[in-house]
Amino acid sequence: MRVQEGEGWRWLEDSARHPFSFLIGGQGWASELTAEEARGLGQALVQLVQEHHDLASQLMAEESISIELERGPLWIALEGDRNAWSLRFVLTPGADCRAVEGSWLPGPSAALVAALAQGAGG
């Protein structure tokens, strides 16, 4: 079992649990994901934050930005300014499957994505 967590976020991998081998969470919520869902979410979050990083230097101090990414059943959004941002996602895999929605505040968002970028994403 591998656990990555901090204030306001959690990313747990337990390969012994099948099919939902990942548990992700934020302030007051948690959900189980399959390995494929977790991998897709982790990669998309890192990509979205990289896009923000690439655009941040073009933002004025008082400007805010919203960036969305949709990849199959996954939709994620980053909202914030050039220094801090929050993340939100919706996973809707299809008929007869559970759907998941979650979000992270600015501090936990940055910590979560830093951990995912270092390989905690599956």
C-alpha atoms as a PDB file:
ATOM      1  CA  MET A   1       0.000   0.000   0.000  1.00  0.00           C
ATOM      2  CA  ARG A   2       1.261   3.464  -0.890  1.00  0.00           C
ATOM      3  CA  VAL A   3      -0.216   6.544   0.781  1.00  0.00           C
ATOM      4  CA  GLN A   4       0.423  10.142  -0.203  1.00  0.00           C
ATOM      5  CA  GLU A   5      -1.450  12.719   1.822  1.00  0.00           C
ATOM      6  CA  GLY A   6      -1.355  16.188   3.233  1.00  0.00           C
ATOM      7  CA  GLU A   7      -3.729  18.753   4.627  1.00  0.00           C
ATOM      8  CA  GLY A   8      -6.855  18.676   2.447  1.00  0.00           C
ATOM      9  CA  TRP A   9      -5.816  15.875   0.058  1.00  0.00           C
ATOM     10  CA  ARG A  10      -5.167  12.140  -0.078  1.00  0.00           C
ATOM     11  CA  TRP A  11      -4.024   9.691  -2.781  1.00  0.00           C
ATOM     12  CA  LEU A  12      -3.827   6.056  -1.676  1.00  0.00           C
ATOM     13  CA  GLU A  13      -2.904   3.041  -3.797  1.00  0.00           C
ATOM     14  CA  ASP A  14      -3.635  -0.502  -2.616  1.00  0.00           C
ATOM     15  CA  SER A  15      -3.072  -3.012  -5.422  1.00  0.00           C
ATOM     16  CA  ALA A  16      -4.679  -5.759  -3.304  1.00  0.00           C
ATOM     17  CA  ARG A  17      -8.068  -4.064  -3.721  1.00  0.00           C
ATOM     18  CA  HIS A  18      -9.617  -4.819  -7.065  1.00  0.00           C
ATOM     19  CA  PRO A  19     -11.083  -3.228  -9.123  1.00  0.00           C
ATOM     20  CA  PHE A  20     -10.941  -0.014  -7.064  1.00  0.00           C
ATOM     21  CA  SER A  21      -7.280   0.062  -6.082  1.00  0.00           C
ATOM     22  CA  PHE A  22      -7.055   3.835  -5.536  1.00  0.00           C
ATOM     23  CA  LEU A  23      -8.672   6.066  -2.937  1.00  0.00           C
ATOM     24  CA  ILE A  24      -8.528   9.786  -3.582  1.00  0.00           C
ATOM     25  CA  GLY A  25      -9.866  12.479  -1.328  1.00  0.00           C
ATOM     26  CA  GLY A  26     -10.137  16.114  -0.431  1.00  0.00           C
ATOM     27  CA  GLN A  27     -11.600  18.190   2.369  1.00  0.00           C
ATOM     28  CA  GLY A  28     -14.660  16.212   3.516  1.00  0.00           C
ATOM     29  CA  TRP A  29     -14.850  13.717   0.638  1.00  0.00           C
ATOM     30  CA  ALA A  30     -13.179  10.572  -0.717  1.00  0.00           C
ATOM     31  CA  SER A  31     -13.843   8.128  -3.537  1.00  0.00           C
ATOM     32  CA  GLU A  32     -12.437   4.899  -4.897  1.00  0.00           C
ATOM     33  CA  LEU A  33     -11.121   4.740  -8.469  1.00  0.00           C
ATOM     34  CA  THR A  34      -9.840   1.999 -10.723  1.00  0.00           C
ATOM     35  CA  ALA A  35      -6.149   2.085 -11.627  1.00  0.00           C
ATOM     36  CA  GLU A  36      -7.013   3.328 -15.122  1.00  0.00           C
ATOM     37  CA  GLU A  37      -9.229   6.123 -13.757  1.00  0.00           C
ATOM     38  CA  ALA A  38      -6.577   7.181 -11.238  1.00  0.00           C
ATOM     39  CA  ARG A  39      -3.833   7.168 -13.859  1.00  0.00           C
ATOM     40  CA  GLY A  40      -5.974   9.259 -16.222  1.00  0.00           C
ATOM     41  CA  LEU A  41      -6.902  11.724 -13.498  1.00  0.00           C
ATOM     42  CA  GLY A  42      -3.321  12.063 -12.284  1.00  0.00           C
ATOM     43  CA  GLN A  43      -1.947  12.647 -15.782  1.00  0.00           C
ATOM     44  CA  ALA A  44      -4.692  15.148 -16.619  1.00  0.00           C
ATOM     45  CA  LEU A  45      -4.137  17.118 -13.399  1.00  0.00           C
ATOM     46  CA  VAL A  46      -0.400  17.367 -14.038  1.00  0.00           C
ATOM     47  CA  GLN A  47      -1.049  18.434 -17.655  1.00  0.00           C
ATOM     48  CA  LEU A  48      -3.567  21.098 -16.625  1.00  0.00           C
ATOM     49  CA  VAL A  49      -1.191  22.558 -14.051  1.00  0.00           C
ATOM     50  CA  GLN A  50       1.604  22.604 -16.651  1.00  0.00           C
ATOM     51  CA  GLU A  51      -0.695  24.561 -18.980  1.00  0.00           C
ATOM     52  CA  HIS A  52      -1.354  27.007 -16.139  1.00  0.00           C
ATOM     53  CA  HIS A  53       2.378  27.315 -15.498  1.00  0.00           C
ATOM     54  CA  ASP A  54       2.962  28.090 -19.185  1.00  0.00           C
ATOM     55  CA  LEU A  55       0.315  30.855 -19.123  1.00  0.00           C
ATOM     56  CA  ALA A  56       0.895  32.294 -15.637  1.00  0.00           C
ATOM     57  CA  SER A  57       3.657  34.711 -16.628  1.00  0.00           C
ATOM     58  CA  GLN A  58       1.254  36.332 -19.111  1.00  0.00           C
ATOM     59  CA  LEU A  59      -1.319  37.111 -16.403  1.00  0.00           C
ATOM     60  CA  MET A  60      -1.402  40.454 -14.642  1.00  0.00           C
ATOM     61  CA  ALA A  61      -1.523  40.394 -10.848  1.00  0.00           C
ATOM     62  CA  GLU A  62      -5.271  41.103 -10.729  1.00  0.00           C
ATOM     63  CA  GLU A  63      -6.236  38.640 -13.477  1.00  0.00           C
ATOM     64  CA  SER A  64      -7.683  35.204 -12.897  1.00  0.00           C
ATOM     65  CA  ILE A  65      -7.879  32.246 -15.232  1.00  0.00           C
ATOM     66  CA  SER A  66     -10.031  29.184 -15.752  1.00  0.00           C
ATOM     67  CA  ILE A  67      -8.676  26.228 -17.737  1.00  0.00           C
ATOM     68  CA  GLU A  68     -10.718  23.131 -18.530  1.00  0.00           C
ATOM     69  CA  LEU A  69      -9.695  19.769 -19.919  1.00  0.00           C
ATOM     70  CA  GLU A  70     -12.034  17.016 -21.064  1.00  0.00           C
ATOM     71  CA  ARG A  71     -10.686  13.565 -21.799  1.00  0.00           C
ATOM     72  CA  GLY A  72     -13.285  10.853 -22.383  1.00  0.00           C
ATOM     73  CA  PRO A  73     -15.309  10.413 -19.194  1.00  0.00           C
ATOM     74  CA  LEU A  74     -13.106  12.868 -17.272  1.00  0.00           C
ATOM     75  CA  TRP A  75     -13.593  16.636 -17.003  1.00  0.00           C
ATOM     76  CA  ILE A  76     -11.263  18.763 -14.887  1.00  0.00           C
ATOM     77  CA  ALA A  77     -10.933  22.486 -14.272  1.00  0.00           C
ATOM     78  CA  LEU A  78      -8.303  24.749 -12.773  1.00  0.00           C
ATOM     79  CA  GLU A  79      -9.406  28.160 -11.482  1.00  0.00           C
ATOM     80  CA  GLY A  80      -7.248  30.816  -9.920  1.00  0.00           C
ATOM     81  CA  ASP A  81      -4.648  33.462 -10.555  1.00  0.00           C
ATOM     82  CA  ARG A  82      -0.984  33.282 -11.454  1.00  0.00           C
ATOM     83  CA  ASN A  83       0.045  32.251  -7.922  1.00  0.00           C
ATOM     84  CA  ALA A  84      -2.723  30.029  -6.531  1.00  0.00           C
ATOM     85  CA  TRP A  85      -5.420  27.830  -8.017  1.00  0.00           C
ATOM     86  CA  SER A  86      -8.029  25.266  -7.096  1.00  0.00           C
ATOM     87  CA  LEU A  87      -8.908  22.064  -8.936  1.00  0.00           C
ATOM     88  CA  ARG A  88     -12.219  20.372  -9.629  1.00  0.00           C
ATOM     89  CA  PHE A  89     -13.044  17.175 -11.515  1.00  0.00           C
ATOM     90  CA  VAL A  90     -16.029  15.129 -12.636  1.00  0.00           C
ATOM     91  CA  LEU A  91     -15.699  11.498 -13.722  1.00  0.00           C
ATOM     92  CA  THR A  92     -18.726  10.003 -15.498  1.00  0.00           C
ATOM     93  CA  PRO A  93     -17.663   6.631 -16.921  1.00  0.00           C
ATOM     94  CA  GLY A  94     -21.023   5.731 -18.453  1.00  0.00           C
ATOM     95  CA  ALA A  95     -24.355   4.040 -17.913  1.00  0.00           C
ATOM     96  CA  ASP A  96     -24.616   1.671 -14.960  1.00  0.00           C
ATOM     97  CA  CYS A  97     -21.371   3.051 -13.450  1.00  0.00           C
ATOM     98  CA  ARG A  98     -20.849   5.309 -10.480  1.00  0.00           C
ATOM     99  CA  ALA A  99     -19.896   8.931 -11.092  1.00  0.00           C
ATOM    100  CA  VAL A 100     -17.473  10.926  -8.974  1.00  0.00           C
ATOM    101  CA  GLU A 101     -17.034  14.636  -8.393  1.00  0.00           C
ATOM    102  CA  GLY A 102     -14.367  16.218  -6.227  1.00  0.00           C
ATOM    103  CA  SER A 103     -12.326  19.350  -5.659  1.00  0.00           C
ATOM    104  CA  TRP A 104      -9.258  20.640  -3.868  1.00  0.00           C
ATOM    105  CA  LEU A 105      -8.648  24.122  -2.462  1.00  0.00           C
ATOM    106  CA  PRO A 106      -5.561  26.093  -3.565  1.00  0.00           C
ATOM    107  CA  GLY A 107      -3.063  24.828  -0.954  1.00  0.00           C
ATOM    108  CA  PRO A 108      -4.002  21.160  -1.254  1.00  0.00           C
ATOM    109  CA  SER A 109      -4.181  21.442  -5.072  1.00  0.00           C
ATOM    110  CA  ALA A 110      -0.542  22.465  -5.339  1.00  0.00           C
ATOM    111  CA  ALA A 111       0.607  19.772  -2.888  1.00  0.00           C
ATOM    112  CA  LEU A 112      -1.410  17.038  -4.625  1.00  0.00           C
ATOM    113  CA  VAL A 113      -0.103  17.872  -8.087  1.00  0.00           C
ATOM    114  CA  ALA A 114       3.480  18.109  -6.800  1.00  0.00           C
ATOM    115  CA  ALA A 115       3.126  14.573  -5.399  1.00  0.00           C
ATOM    116  CA  LEU A 116       1.543  13.297  -8.627  1.00  0.00           C
ATOM    117  CA  ALA A 117       4.315  14.841 -10.709  1.00  0.00           C
ATOM    118  CA  GLN A 118       6.803  12.846  -8.609  1.00  0.00           C
ATOM    119  CA  GLY A 119       5.049   9.575  -9.406  1.00  0.00           C
ATOM    120  CA  ALA A 120       2.222   9.151  -6.890  1.00  0.00           C
ATOM    121  CA  GLY A 121      -0.355   9.110  -9.686  1.00  0.00           C
ATOM    122  CA  GLY A 122      -0.169   5.420 -10.422  1.00  0.00           C
END
